[in-house]
Amino acid sequence: AELRKGGVAEWQLSERTPPRPEIFDVTVNSGVAWVITPQMVKTKSDYAAARDLVGEAIVRSDTLGAGQWEISAEDCGPAATRGALLGFELARYRYRRAGAMPSAVGIGIAKAATQDAAVRGTAVNIARHLVNVPAAELTPGKYAKAVQALFKGYSSVKCEVWGPDRVVKERCGLLAAVGQAAVEGAHLVKISYAPAKAKGIRHVAFVGKGVTFDSGGLDIKPTD
């Protein structure tokens, strides 16, 4: 229905046989429209298929210079809708020009769903950007400052940073030893999240490592 409003001829939808029926583009009055049917991808869930197909459409349209996208979830279930919105957010990321990427307007989509996808996509893209920044630019100290800036202003989040001297003082010998391979010593970042209504809820701890001068595991992971 949305495509017909945009001026798509009936034959463009009923008579065309694209090589990939799950994703193809048609010309409309306002530009180019991508028709995506995640249900046709049998090897993935509707959520994953919609996420990947919308991401592919964004990348393939990158040269068109679109300022804004309209996303309609007509005939899509909740899972596919969430996947499509997240796929758009993830595909917007570019290392050198993230701020110049287009925005999106959801047609017939709840505002809460759009906001949720924006939050999730932003979080993933921040992690991707930190991975992509060269080691000479993202030192342990700069990483710690970036994390502190990220959570600044959140009353429920506390960010504590241990510098090289504190790492040694706390007897984190292995971390300190690894840090000796770099010009700048190792740092430890502790993020504590304590929402106001968290009484009676068990504590959960996540422990991870970030070796800023070694990305050896990055290129051995599958691209899908």
N, C-alpha and C. Protein backbone atom coordinates (compact mmCIF):
# COMPACT_ATOMS: atom_id res chain seq x y z
N ALA A 1 0.83 -1.20 0.00
CA ALA A 1 0.00 0.00 0.00
C ALA A 1 0.87 1.26 0.00
N GLU A 2 1.90 1.27 0.82
CA GLU A 2 2.78 2.44 0.88
C GLU A 2 3.49 2.67 -0.45
N LEU A 3 3.87 1.59 -1.12
CA LEU A 3 4.55 1.73 -2.41
C LEU A 3 3.61 2.28 -3.46
N ARG A 4 2.38 1.84 -3.45
CA ARG A 4 1.41 2.34 -4.43
C ARG A 4 1.13 3.82 -4.20
N LYS A 5 1.13 4.26 -2.95
CA LYS A 5 0.98 5.68 -2.66
C LYS A 5 2.14 6.48 -3.24
N GLY A 6 3.30 5.85 -3.29
CA GLY A 6 4.49 6.53 -3.81
C GLY A 6 4.59 6.54 -5.32
N GLY A 7 3.62 5.96 -6.00
CA GLY A 7 3.60 6.01 -7.46
C GLY A 7 4.14 4.77 -8.14
N VAL A 8 4.24 3.65 -7.43
CA VAL A 8 4.73 2.42 -8.05
C VAL A 8 3.63 1.80 -8.89
N ALA A 9 3.97 1.47 -10.12
CA ALA A 9 3.00 0.84 -11.01
C ALA A 9 2.73 -0.60 -10.58
N GLU A 10 1.54 -1.10 -10.88
CA GLU A 10 1.16 -2.44 -10.46
C GLU A 10 2.11 -3.49 -11.02
N TRP A 11 2.56 -3.29 -12.27
CA TRP A 11 3.43 -4.30 -12.87
C TRP A 11 4.78 -4.38 -12.18
N GLN A 12 5.19 -3.27 -11.55
CA GLN A 12 6.47 -3.30 -10.85
C GLN A 12 6.46 -4.26 -9.67
N LEU A 13 5.28 -4.49 -9.13
CA LEU A 13 5.16 -5.38 -7.99
C LEU A 13 4.70 -6.78 -8.36
N SER A 14 3.86 -6.89 -9.38
CA SER A 14 3.27 -8.18 -9.71
C SER A 14 3.95 -8.92 -10.85
N GLU A 15 4.52 -8.20 -11.81
CA GLU A 15 5.07 -8.85 -12.99
C GLU A 15 6.59 -8.94 -12.99
N ARG A 16 7.22 -8.16 -12.16
CA ARG A 16 8.69 -8.17 -12.15
C ARG A 16 9.19 -9.43 -11.45
N THR A 17 10.24 -10.00 -12.01
CA THR A 17 10.86 -11.19 -11.40
C THR A 17 12.33 -10.87 -11.11
N PRO A 18 12.58 -10.24 -9.98
CA PRO A 18 13.97 -9.88 -9.65
C PRO A 18 14.79 -11.12 -9.36
N PRO A 19 16.10 -11.04 -9.55
CA PRO A 19 16.97 -12.19 -9.28
C PRO A 19 16.94 -12.60 -7.82
N ARG A 20 16.70 -11.65 -6.94
CA ARG A 20 16.59 -11.94 -5.51
C ARG A 20 15.27 -11.38 -5.01
N PRO A 21 14.22 -12.17 -5.03
CA PRO A 21 12.90 -11.65 -4.66
C PRO A 21 12.79 -11.17 -3.22
N GLU A 22 13.73 -11.58 -2.36
CA GLU A 22 13.66 -11.13 -0.97
C GLU A 22 14.13 -9.69 -0.80
N ILE A 23 14.82 -9.13 -1.81
CA ILE A 23 15.27 -7.74 -1.76
C ILE A 23 15.45 -7.21 -3.17
N PHE A 24 14.70 -6.18 -3.51
CA PHE A 24 14.88 -5.53 -4.81
C PHE A 24 14.39 -4.09 -4.70
N ASP A 25 14.80 -3.25 -5.64
CA ASP A 25 14.45 -1.84 -5.60
C ASP A 25 13.54 -1.47 -6.76
N VAL A 26 12.69 -0.48 -6.53
CA VAL A 26 11.80 0.06 -7.57
C VAL A 26 11.85 1.58 -7.48
N THR A 27 11.55 2.24 -8.59
CA THR A 27 11.55 3.69 -8.63
C THR A 27 10.18 4.22 -8.22
N VAL A 28 10.18 5.20 -7.32
CA VAL A 28 8.95 5.84 -6.87
C VAL A 28 9.07 7.35 -7.09
N ASN A 29 8.00 8.09 -6.79
CA ASN A 29 7.99 9.53 -7.03
C ASN A 29 9.09 10.25 -6.26
N SER A 30 9.37 9.78 -5.04
CA SER A 30 10.33 10.49 -4.18
C SER A 30 11.75 9.94 -4.27
N GLY A 31 11.97 8.93 -5.11
CA GLY A 31 13.31 8.38 -5.23
C GLY A 31 13.30 6.89 -5.49
N VAL A 32 13.97 6.14 -4.65
CA VAL A 32 14.08 4.69 -4.80
C VAL A 32 13.49 4.02 -3.57
N ALA A 33 12.70 2.96 -3.81
CA ALA A 33 12.13 2.18 -2.71
C ALA A 33 12.68 0.77 -2.77
N TRP A 34 13.02 0.24 -1.61
CA TRP A 34 13.50 -1.13 -1.50
C TRP A 34 12.38 -2.00 -0.94
N VAL A 35 12.08 -3.08 -1.64
CA VAL A 35 11.07 -4.03 -1.19
C VAL A 35 11.79 -5.22 -0.56
N ILE A 36 11.55 -5.42 0.71
CA ILE A 36 12.26 -6.45 1.46
C ILE A 36 11.26 -7.41 2.08
N THR A 37 11.49 -8.69 1.89
CA THR A 37 10.61 -9.72 2.43
C THR A 37 11.44 -10.71 3.23
N PRO A 38 11.66 -10.44 4.51
CA PRO A 38 12.52 -11.31 5.32
C PRO A 38 11.99 -12.73 5.47
N GLN A 39 10.66 -12.92 5.30
CA GLN A 39 10.09 -14.26 5.45
C GLN A 39 10.59 -15.22 4.38
N MET A 40 11.13 -14.66 3.28
CA MET A 40 11.62 -15.51 2.19
C MET A 40 13.00 -16.08 2.47
N VAL A 41 13.67 -15.57 3.50
CA VAL A 41 14.99 -16.08 3.85
C VAL A 41 14.81 -17.20 4.86
N LYS A 42 14.87 -18.43 4.40
CA LYS A 42 14.54 -19.57 5.25
C LYS A 42 15.68 -19.96 6.20
N THR A 43 16.88 -19.46 5.94
CA THR A 43 18.03 -19.86 6.76
C THR A 43 18.21 -18.98 7.99
N LYS A 44 17.39 -17.95 8.14
CA LYS A 44 17.52 -17.04 9.27
C LYS A 44 16.14 -16.76 9.87
N SER A 45 16.14 -16.28 11.11
CA SER A 45 14.90 -15.83 11.72
C SER A 45 14.44 -14.55 11.02
N ASP A 46 13.15 -14.21 11.17
CA ASP A 46 12.65 -12.98 10.57
C ASP A 46 13.43 -11.76 11.08
N TYR A 47 13.79 -11.79 12.36
CA TYR A 47 14.55 -10.69 12.95
C TYR A 47 15.90 -10.53 12.26
N ALA A 48 16.66 -11.61 12.17
CA ALA A 48 18.00 -11.56 11.57
C ALA A 48 17.93 -11.25 10.09
N ALA A 49 16.95 -11.83 9.40
CA ALA A 49 16.82 -11.60 7.95
C ALA A 49 16.49 -10.14 7.67
N ALA A 50 15.54 -9.57 8.41
CA ALA A 50 15.18 -8.16 8.20
C ALA A 50 16.35 -7.25 8.52
N ARG A 51 17.07 -7.54 9.60
CA ARG A 51 18.24 -6.74 9.98
C ARG A 51 19.28 -6.74 8.86
N ASP A 52 19.59 -7.90 8.33
CA ASP A 52 20.64 -8.01 7.31
C ASP A 52 20.20 -7.43 5.96
N LEU A 53 18.93 -7.63 5.59
CA LEU A 53 18.44 -7.14 4.30
C LEU A 53 18.36 -5.61 4.29
N VAL A 54 17.87 -5.03 5.36
CA VAL A 54 17.82 -3.57 5.43
C VAL A 54 19.23 -3.00 5.43
N GLY A 55 20.13 -3.64 6.15
CA GLY A 55 21.52 -3.20 6.14
C GLY A 55 22.12 -3.25 4.74
N GLU A 56 21.81 -4.31 4.02
CA GLU A 56 22.31 -4.43 2.64
C GLU A 56 21.75 -3.32 1.76
N ALA A 57 20.46 -3.00 1.92
CA ALA A 57 19.85 -1.94 1.12
C ALA A 57 20.51 -0.59 1.39
N ILE A 58 20.81 -0.32 2.66
CA ILE A 58 21.47 0.95 3.01
C ILE A 58 22.85 1.03 2.36
N VAL A 59 23.60 -0.04 2.43
CA VAL A 59 24.96 -0.04 1.87
C VAL A 59 24.91 0.09 0.36
N ARG A 60 23.99 -0.61 -0.28
CA ARG A 60 23.90 -0.56 -1.74
C ARG A 60 23.40 0.80 -2.23
N SER A 61 22.72 1.54 -1.38
CA SER A 61 22.20 2.86 -1.75
C SER A 61 23.11 3.99 -1.30
N ASP A 62 24.26 3.65 -0.78
CA ASP A 62 25.16 4.65 -0.19
C ASP A 62 25.52 5.75 -1.17
N THR A 63 25.66 5.42 -2.43
CA THR A 63 26.09 6.42 -3.42
C THR A 63 24.96 7.36 -3.85
N LEU A 64 23.73 7.07 -3.45
CA LEU A 64 22.60 7.90 -3.87
C LEU A 64 22.51 9.19 -3.06
N GLY A 65 23.15 9.21 -1.90
CA GLY A 65 23.14 10.41 -1.08
C GLY A 65 21.79 10.72 -0.47
N ALA A 66 21.05 9.71 -0.09
CA ALA A 66 19.72 9.93 0.50
C ALA A 66 19.84 10.63 1.84
N GLY A 67 19.02 11.68 2.04
CA GLY A 67 19.06 12.41 3.29
C GLY A 67 18.19 11.79 4.36
N GLN A 68 17.14 11.09 3.92
CA GLN A 68 16.23 10.49 4.89
C GLN A 68 15.58 9.25 4.28
N TRP A 69 15.39 8.25 5.12
CA TRP A 69 14.72 7.02 4.73
C TRP A 69 13.38 6.94 5.43
N GLU A 70 12.39 6.37 4.75
CA GLU A 70 11.11 6.06 5.35
C GLU A 70 10.99 4.55 5.43
N ILE A 71 10.81 4.04 6.64
CA ILE A 71 10.74 2.60 6.85
C ILE A 71 9.30 2.23 7.19
N SER A 72 8.69 1.41 6.33
CA SER A 72 7.35 0.92 6.57
C SER A 72 7.41 -0.56 6.87
N ALA A 73 6.76 -0.96 7.96
CA ALA A 73 6.77 -2.37 8.36
C ALA A 73 5.46 -3.06 8.00
N GLU A 74 4.92 -2.69 6.86
CA GLU A 74 3.65 -3.27 6.42
C GLU A 74 3.80 -4.79 6.25
N ASP A 75 2.87 -5.54 6.79
CA ASP A 75 2.85 -7.01 6.70
C ASP A 75 4.03 -7.66 7.42
N CYS A 76 4.71 -6.92 8.30
CA CYS A 76 5.82 -7.50 9.05
C CYS A 76 5.41 -7.71 10.51
N GLY A 77 5.88 -8.79 11.08
CA GLY A 77 5.62 -9.05 12.49
C GLY A 77 6.54 -8.22 13.36
N PRO A 78 6.35 -8.28 14.68
CA PRO A 78 7.19 -7.50 15.60
C PRO A 78 8.67 -7.81 15.49
N ALA A 79 9.02 -9.09 15.31
CA ALA A 79 10.44 -9.46 15.23
C ALA A 79 11.10 -8.86 14.00
N ALA A 80 10.44 -8.96 12.86
CA ALA A 80 10.99 -8.41 11.62
C ALA A 80 11.09 -6.89 11.70
N THR A 81 10.12 -6.26 12.34
CA THR A 81 10.14 -4.80 12.49
C THR A 81 11.35 -4.37 13.32
N ARG A 82 11.56 -5.05 14.45
CA ARG A 82 12.72 -4.72 15.28
C ARG A 82 14.02 -4.96 14.52
N GLY A 83 14.09 -6.05 13.76
CA GLY A 83 15.29 -6.34 12.99
C GLY A 83 15.56 -5.29 11.93
N ALA A 84 14.51 -4.84 11.25
CA ALA A 84 14.66 -3.82 10.20
C ALA A 84 15.18 -2.51 10.78
N LEU A 85 14.62 -2.11 11.91
CA LEU A 85 15.06 -0.86 12.53
C LEU A 85 16.51 -0.94 13.00
N LEU A 86 16.87 -2.08 13.59
CA LEU A 86 18.26 -2.23 14.04
C LEU A 86 19.20 -2.32 12.86
N GLY A 87 18.78 -3.00 11.79
CA GLY A 87 19.61 -3.09 10.59
C GLY A 87 19.93 -1.72 10.02
N PHE A 88 18.94 -0.82 10.05
CA PHE A 88 19.18 0.54 9.57
C PHE A 88 20.22 1.25 10.43
N GLU A 89 20.09 1.14 11.75
CA GLU A 89 21.03 1.80 12.65
C GLU A 89 22.45 1.27 12.46
N LEU A 90 22.59 -0.04 12.33
CA LEU A 90 23.92 -0.63 12.18
C LEU A 90 24.55 -0.23 10.85
N ALA A 91 23.73 -0.17 9.80
CA ALA A 91 24.27 0.13 8.47
C ALA A 91 24.63 1.60 8.31
N ARG A 92 24.14 2.45 9.19
CA ARG A 92 24.46 3.88 9.11
C ARG A 92 25.91 4.17 9.47
N TYR A 93 26.54 3.26 10.19
CA TYR A 93 27.89 3.54 10.69
C TYR A 93 28.92 3.60 9.57
N ARG A 94 29.70 4.66 9.58
CA ARG A 94 30.87 4.78 8.72
C ARG A 94 31.99 5.35 9.58
N TYR A 95 33.16 4.82 9.44
CA TYR A 95 34.27 5.24 10.31
C TYR A 95 34.61 6.71 10.14
N ARG A 96 34.63 7.18 8.91
CA ARG A 96 35.08 8.54 8.66
C ARG A 96 33.95 9.57 8.60
N ARG A 97 32.72 9.15 8.39
CA ARG A 97 31.64 10.13 8.22
C ARG A 97 30.34 9.67 8.87
N ALA A 98 30.44 9.24 10.11
CA ALA A 98 29.25 8.75 10.81
C ALA A 98 28.19 9.84 10.94
N GLY A 99 28.60 11.07 11.14
CA GLY A 99 27.63 12.14 11.35
C GLY A 99 26.87 12.54 10.11
N ALA A 100 27.34 12.12 8.93
CA ALA A 100 26.69 12.53 7.69
C ALA A 100 25.70 11.50 7.17
N MET A 101 25.45 10.45 7.91
CA MET A 101 24.57 9.40 7.44
C MET A 101 23.10 9.81 7.58
N PRO A 102 22.22 9.25 6.74
CA PRO A 102 20.81 9.65 6.74
C PRO A 102 20.07 9.21 7.99
N SER A 103 18.95 9.85 8.24
CA SER A 103 18.08 9.48 9.34
C SER A 103 16.89 8.70 8.80
N ALA A 104 16.04 8.22 9.69
CA ALA A 104 14.91 7.41 9.26
C ALA A 104 13.64 7.85 9.96
N VAL A 105 12.53 7.69 9.27
CA VAL A 105 11.20 7.94 9.82
C VAL A 105 10.41 6.65 9.70
N GLY A 106 9.86 6.18 10.80
CA GLY A 106 9.06 4.97 10.79
C GLY A 106 7.62 5.26 10.45
N ILE A 107 7.08 4.57 9.47
CA ILE A 107 5.68 4.73 9.06
C ILE A 107 4.88 3.58 9.67
N GLY A 108 3.96 3.92 10.55
CA GLY A 108 3.16 2.89 11.19
C GLY A 108 3.93 2.08 12.20
N ILE A 109 5.03 2.63 12.71
CA ILE A 109 5.87 1.93 13.69
C ILE A 109 5.86 2.72 15.00
N ALA A 110 5.69 2.02 16.10
CA ALA A 110 5.65 2.68 17.40
C ALA A 110 6.95 3.42 17.67
N LYS A 111 6.84 4.62 18.25
CA LYS A 111 8.01 5.43 18.54
C LYS A 111 8.96 4.71 19.49
N ALA A 112 8.40 3.94 20.44
CA ALA A 112 9.24 3.22 21.40
C ALA A 112 10.14 2.21 20.70
N ALA A 113 9.62 1.56 19.65
CA ALA A 113 10.42 0.58 18.90
C ALA A 113 11.57 1.26 18.17
N THR A 114 11.30 2.43 17.60
CA THR A 114 12.35 3.18 16.91
C THR A 114 13.43 3.64 17.88
N GLN A 115 13.03 4.12 19.04
CA GLN A 115 13.99 4.58 20.04
C GLN A 115 14.82 3.42 20.57
N ASP A 116 14.19 2.27 20.78
CA ASP A 116 14.91 1.10 21.27
C ASP A 116 15.98 0.67 20.26
N ALA A 117 15.63 0.67 18.98
CA ALA A 117 16.60 0.29 17.94
C ALA A 117 17.75 1.29 17.88
N ALA A 118 17.43 2.57 18.08
CA ALA A 118 18.48 3.60 18.06
C ALA A 118 19.47 3.40 19.19
N VAL A 119 18.96 3.06 20.37
CA VAL A 119 19.84 2.84 21.53
C VAL A 119 20.72 1.62 21.30
N ARG A 120 20.12 0.53 20.85
CA ARG A 120 20.88 -0.70 20.62
C ARG A 120 21.90 -0.50 19.49
N GLY A 121 21.47 0.13 18.42
CA GLY A 121 22.38 0.35 17.30
C GLY A 121 23.54 1.26 17.66
N THR A 122 23.26 2.31 18.43
CA THR A 122 24.32 3.22 18.87
C THR A 122 25.34 2.49 19.73
N ALA A 123 24.85 1.64 20.64
CA ALA A 123 25.76 0.90 21.51
C ALA A 123 26.69 -0.01 20.70
N VAL A 124 26.12 -0.72 19.73
CA VAL A 124 26.93 -1.60 18.89
C VAL A 124 27.92 -0.80 18.05
N ASN A 125 27.47 0.32 17.50
CA ASN A 125 28.35 1.12 16.65
C ASN A 125 29.48 1.78 17.42
N ILE A 126 29.23 2.12 18.69
CA ILE A 126 30.32 2.65 19.52
C ILE A 126 31.39 1.59 19.70
N ALA A 127 30.95 0.36 19.98
CA ALA A 127 31.92 -0.73 20.14
C ALA A 127 32.68 -0.97 18.84
N ARG A 128 31.98 -0.92 17.71
CA ARG A 128 32.65 -1.11 16.41
C ARG A 128 33.68 -0.01 16.17
N HIS A 129 33.32 1.21 16.54
CA HIS A 129 34.24 2.32 16.31
C HIS A 129 35.49 2.20 17.16
N LEU A 130 35.32 1.78 18.41
CA LEU A 130 36.48 1.59 19.27
C LEU A 130 37.41 0.51 18.72
N VAL A 131 36.82 -0.52 18.11
CA VAL A 131 37.62 -1.57 17.48
C VAL A 131 38.39 -1.02 16.28
N ASN A 132 37.76 -0.12 15.54
CA ASN A 132 38.35 0.38 14.29
C ASN A 132 39.42 1.45 14.50
N VAL A 133 39.38 2.15 15.62
CA VAL A 133 40.37 3.22 15.85
C VAL A 133 41.76 2.61 15.99
N PRO A 134 42.75 3.12 15.25
CA PRO A 134 44.11 2.57 15.32
C PRO A 134 44.69 2.61 16.72
N ALA A 135 45.57 1.67 17.01
CA ALA A 135 46.17 1.56 18.34
C ALA A 135 46.96 2.81 18.72
N ALA A 136 47.56 3.47 17.74
CA ALA A 136 48.34 4.67 18.03
C ALA A 136 47.45 5.82 18.50
N GLU A 137 46.15 5.76 18.17
CA GLU A 137 45.21 6.81 18.56
C GLU A 137 44.44 6.44 19.82
N LEU A 138 44.08 5.18 19.96
CA LEU A 138 43.29 4.76 21.11
C LEU A 138 44.20 4.02 22.09
N THR A 139 44.88 4.79 22.91
CA THR A 139 45.74 4.21 23.95
C THR A 139 44.87 3.84 25.17
N PRO A 140 45.40 3.06 26.12
CA PRO A 140 44.60 2.71 27.31
C PRO A 140 44.04 3.93 28.03
N GLY A 141 44.84 4.98 28.17
CA GLY A 141 44.37 6.18 28.86
C GLY A 141 43.24 6.87 28.10
N LYS A 142 43.37 6.95 26.77
CA LYS A 142 42.33 7.59 25.97
C LYS A 142 41.06 6.75 25.96
N TYR A 143 41.23 5.44 25.98
CA TYR A 143 40.06 4.56 26.06
C TYR A 143 39.31 4.80 27.37
N ALA A 144 40.06 4.89 28.46
CA ALA A 144 39.43 5.13 29.76
C ALA A 144 38.67 6.46 29.77
N LYS A 145 39.27 7.49 29.20
CA LYS A 145 38.60 8.80 29.14
C LYS A 145 37.36 8.74 28.26
N ALA A 146 37.42 7.97 27.18
CA ALA A 146 36.26 7.84 26.29
C ALA A 146 35.10 7.17 27.02
N VAL A 147 35.40 6.16 27.82
CA VAL A 147 34.36 5.48 28.59
C VAL A 147 33.77 6.41 29.63
N GLN A 148 34.62 7.17 30.30
CA GLN A 148 34.13 8.12 31.30
C GLN A 148 33.22 9.17 30.66
N ALA A 149 33.59 9.65 29.49
CA ALA A 149 32.77 10.65 28.80
C ALA A 149 31.44 10.04 28.35
N LEU A 150 31.47 8.77 27.99
CA LEU A 150 30.26 8.10 27.51
C LEU A 150 29.19 8.02 28.60
N PHE A 151 29.62 7.81 29.84
CA PHE A 151 28.66 7.64 30.93
C PHE A 151 28.51 8.89 31.80
N LYS A 152 29.13 9.97 31.41
CA LYS A 152 29.02 11.21 32.17
C LYS A 152 27.57 11.70 32.18
N GLY A 153 27.10 12.09 33.34
CA GLY A 153 25.75 12.61 33.43
C GLY A 153 24.69 11.59 33.80
N TYR A 154 25.07 10.32 33.90
CA TYR A 154 24.12 9.28 34.30
C TYR A 154 24.26 9.04 35.80
N SER A 155 23.25 9.40 36.56
CA SER A 155 23.31 9.27 38.01
C SER A 155 23.37 7.83 38.48
N SER A 156 22.87 6.90 37.68
CA SER A 156 22.84 5.49 38.08
C SER A 156 24.10 4.73 37.67
N VAL A 157 25.03 5.41 37.00
CA VAL A 157 26.25 4.76 36.53
C VAL A 157 27.48 5.44 37.13
N LYS A 158 28.36 4.63 37.68
CA LYS A 158 29.62 5.13 38.23
C LYS A 158 30.78 4.52 37.45
N CYS A 159 31.69 5.35 37.03
CA CYS A 159 32.84 4.87 36.24
C CYS A 159 34.13 5.18 36.99
N GLU A 160 34.85 4.13 37.35
CA GLU A 160 36.11 4.27 38.09
C GLU A 160 37.27 3.76 37.24
N VAL A 161 38.35 4.51 37.21
CA VAL A 161 39.51 4.15 36.38
C VAL A 161 40.74 3.96 37.26
N TRP A 162 41.39 2.84 37.06
CA TRP A 162 42.67 2.59 37.72
C TRP A 162 43.79 2.82 36.69
N GLY A 163 44.72 3.70 37.03
CA GLY A 163 45.87 3.92 36.18
C GLY A 163 46.93 2.87 36.41
N PRO A 164 48.07 2.95 35.71
CA PRO A 164 49.14 1.94 35.84
C PRO A 164 49.61 1.72 37.28
N ASP A 165 49.77 2.80 38.06
CA ASP A 165 50.23 2.66 39.44
C ASP A 165 49.21 1.92 40.30
N ARG A 166 47.94 2.23 40.09
CA ARG A 166 46.89 1.56 40.88
C ARG A 166 46.79 0.09 40.47
N VAL A 167 46.98 -0.20 39.21
CA VAL A 167 46.95 -1.58 38.74
C VAL A 167 48.01 -2.41 39.45
N VAL A 168 49.21 -1.86 39.58
CA VAL A 168 50.30 -2.55 40.29
C VAL A 168 49.98 -2.65 41.77
N LYS A 169 49.47 -1.57 42.35
CA LYS A 169 49.15 -1.56 43.78
C LYS A 169 48.11 -2.61 44.14
N GLU A 170 47.15 -2.82 43.26
CA GLU A 170 46.09 -3.80 43.49
C GLU A 170 46.53 -5.23 43.14
N ARG A 171 47.81 -5.36 42.80
CA ARG A 171 48.42 -6.68 42.51
C ARG A 171 47.78 -7.36 41.30
N CYS A 172 47.46 -6.55 40.29
CA CYS A 172 46.98 -7.10 39.02
C CYS A 172 48.21 -7.37 38.14
N GLY A 173 49.00 -8.35 38.54
CA GLY A 173 50.29 -8.57 37.91
C GLY A 173 50.23 -8.90 36.44
N LEU A 174 49.30 -9.75 36.04
CA LEU A 174 49.22 -10.15 34.64
C LEU A 174 48.84 -8.97 33.76
N LEU A 175 47.86 -8.17 34.22
CA LEU A 175 47.45 -6.99 33.46
C LEU A 175 48.60 -6.00 33.34
N ALA A 176 49.32 -5.78 34.43
CA ALA A 176 50.46 -4.87 34.41
C ALA A 176 51.56 -5.37 33.49
N ALA A 177 51.77 -6.69 33.48
CA ALA A 177 52.82 -7.27 32.64
C ALA A 177 52.50 -7.10 31.16
N VAL A 178 51.27 -7.34 30.79
CA VAL A 178 50.88 -7.16 29.39
C VAL A 178 51.03 -5.71 28.97
N GLY A 179 50.68 -4.78 29.89
CA GLY A 179 50.79 -3.36 29.59
C GLY A 179 52.20 -2.88 29.37
N GLN A 180 53.18 -3.64 29.84
CA GLN A 180 54.58 -3.23 29.67
C GLN A 180 55.01 -3.28 28.20
N ALA A 181 54.24 -3.93 27.36
CA ALA A 181 54.60 -4.00 25.95
C ALA A 181 54.26 -2.71 25.21
N ALA A 182 53.53 -1.81 25.87
CA ALA A 182 53.14 -0.56 25.23
C ALA A 182 53.83 0.62 25.90
N VAL A 183 53.84 1.76 25.21
CA VAL A 183 54.43 2.97 25.76
C VAL A 183 53.64 3.42 26.98
N GLU A 184 52.33 3.29 26.92
CA GLU A 184 51.46 3.69 28.02
C GLU A 184 51.01 2.46 28.79
N GLY A 185 51.10 2.52 30.11
CA GLY A 185 50.75 1.38 30.93
C GLY A 185 49.28 1.02 30.90
N ALA A 186 48.97 -0.15 31.43
CA ALA A 186 47.61 -0.67 31.41
C ALA A 186 46.70 0.12 32.35
N HIS A 187 45.43 0.20 31.96
CA HIS A 187 44.40 0.81 32.78
C HIS A 187 43.29 -0.21 33.02
N LEU A 188 42.58 -0.04 34.11
CA LEU A 188 41.42 -0.87 34.37
C LEU A 188 40.21 0.04 34.57
N VAL A 189 39.14 -0.25 33.85
CA VAL A 189 37.93 0.57 33.92
C VAL A 189 36.82 -0.25 34.57
N LYS A 190 36.27 0.28 35.64
CA LYS A 190 35.17 -0.39 36.34
C LYS A 190 33.91 0.45 36.20
N ILE A 191 32.87 -0.13 35.61
CA ILE A 191 31.60 0.54 35.41
C ILE A 191 30.56 -0.12 36.32
N SER A 192 29.96 0.65 37.19
CA SER A 192 28.95 0.13 38.11
C SER A 192 27.59 0.75 37.78
N TYR A 193 26.61 -0.11 37.56
CA TYR A 193 25.26 0.36 37.24
C TYR A 193 24.34 0.00 38.39
N ALA A 194 23.77 1.00 39.03
CA ALA A 194 22.90 0.78 40.20
C ALA A 194 21.63 1.61 40.04
N PRO A 195 20.64 1.10 39.32
CA PRO A 195 19.39 1.85 39.15
C PRO A 195 18.66 2.03 40.47
N ALA A 196 17.84 3.04 40.55
CA ALA A 196 17.18 3.40 41.81
C ALA A 196 16.30 2.28 42.35
N LYS A 197 15.70 1.50 41.47
CA LYS A 197 14.77 0.46 41.90
C LYS A 197 15.41 -0.93 41.82
N ALA A 198 16.67 -1.01 42.20
CA ALA A 198 17.40 -2.27 42.09
C ALA A 198 17.48 -3.06 43.38
N LYS A 199 16.78 -2.63 44.41
CA LYS A 199 16.84 -3.33 45.69
C LYS A 199 16.25 -4.74 45.57
N GLY A 200 16.97 -5.69 46.15
CA GLY A 200 16.50 -7.06 46.13
C GLY A 200 16.85 -7.82 44.88
N ILE A 201 17.53 -7.17 43.94
CA ILE A 201 17.94 -7.82 42.70
C ILE A 201 19.39 -8.28 42.83
N ARG A 202 19.67 -9.51 42.42
CA ARG A 202 21.02 -10.02 42.56
C ARG A 202 22.01 -9.26 41.66
N HIS A 203 23.25 -9.22 42.10
CA HIS A 203 24.29 -8.52 41.37
C HIS A 203 24.80 -9.39 40.22
N VAL A 204 25.11 -8.74 39.12
CA VAL A 204 25.68 -9.42 37.96
C VAL A 204 26.96 -8.70 37.56
N ALA A 205 28.02 -9.45 37.31
CA ALA A 205 29.30 -8.84 36.93
C ALA A 205 29.74 -9.36 35.56
N PHE A 206 30.17 -8.46 34.70
CA PHE A 206 30.74 -8.80 33.40
C PHE A 206 32.21 -8.39 33.40
N VAL A 207 33.07 -9.29 33.03
CA VAL A 207 34.50 -9.00 33.00
C VAL A 207 35.00 -9.19 31.57
N GLY A 208 35.64 -8.18 31.03
CA GLY A 208 36.15 -8.28 29.66
C GLY A 208 37.52 -7.64 29.56
N LYS A 209 38.20 -7.88 28.48
CA LYS A 209 39.53 -7.29 28.29
C LYS A 209 39.54 -6.48 27.00
N GLY A 210 40.34 -5.45 26.99
CA GLY A 210 40.50 -4.64 25.80
C GLY A 210 41.97 -4.33 25.59
N VAL A 211 42.61 -5.10 24.74
CA VAL A 211 44.05 -4.89 24.46
C VAL A 211 44.14 -3.92 23.29
N THR A 212 44.40 -2.66 23.58
CA THR A 212 44.28 -1.62 22.55
C THR A 212 45.36 -1.69 21.47
N PHE A 213 46.46 -2.38 21.75
CA PHE A 213 47.53 -2.41 20.75
C PHE A 213 47.57 -3.73 19.97
N ASP A 214 46.55 -4.56 20.13
CA ASP A 214 46.55 -5.85 19.44
C ASP A 214 45.13 -6.19 19.02
N SER A 215 44.89 -6.27 17.72
CA SER A 215 43.56 -6.64 17.22
C SER A 215 43.63 -7.97 16.47
N GLY A 216 44.47 -8.86 16.95
CA GLY A 216 44.69 -10.13 16.25
C GLY A 216 43.43 -10.96 16.08
N GLY A 217 42.48 -10.84 17.01
CA GLY A 217 41.26 -11.64 16.90
C GLY A 217 40.23 -11.03 15.97
N LEU A 218 40.44 -9.82 15.50
CA LEU A 218 39.44 -9.14 14.69
C LEU A 218 39.24 -9.80 13.34
N ASP A 219 40.32 -10.15 12.65
CA ASP A 219 40.21 -10.62 11.28
C ASP A 219 39.99 -12.13 11.15
N ILE A 220 39.93 -12.84 12.25
CA ILE A 220 39.68 -14.28 12.15
C ILE A 220 38.22 -14.62 12.42
N LYS A 221 37.42 -13.60 12.71
CA LYS A 221 36.01 -13.82 12.97
C LYS A 221 35.24 -13.81 11.64
N PRO A 222 34.18 -14.63 11.52
CA PRO A 222 33.40 -14.65 10.27
C PRO A 222 32.69 -13.31 10.05
N THR A 223 32.52 -12.91 8.81
CA THR A 223 31.91 -11.62 8.51
C THR A 223 30.42 -11.62 8.67
N ASP A 224 29.78 -12.80 8.75
CA ASP A 224 28.33 -12.84 8.88
C ASP A 224 27.90 -12.88 10.34
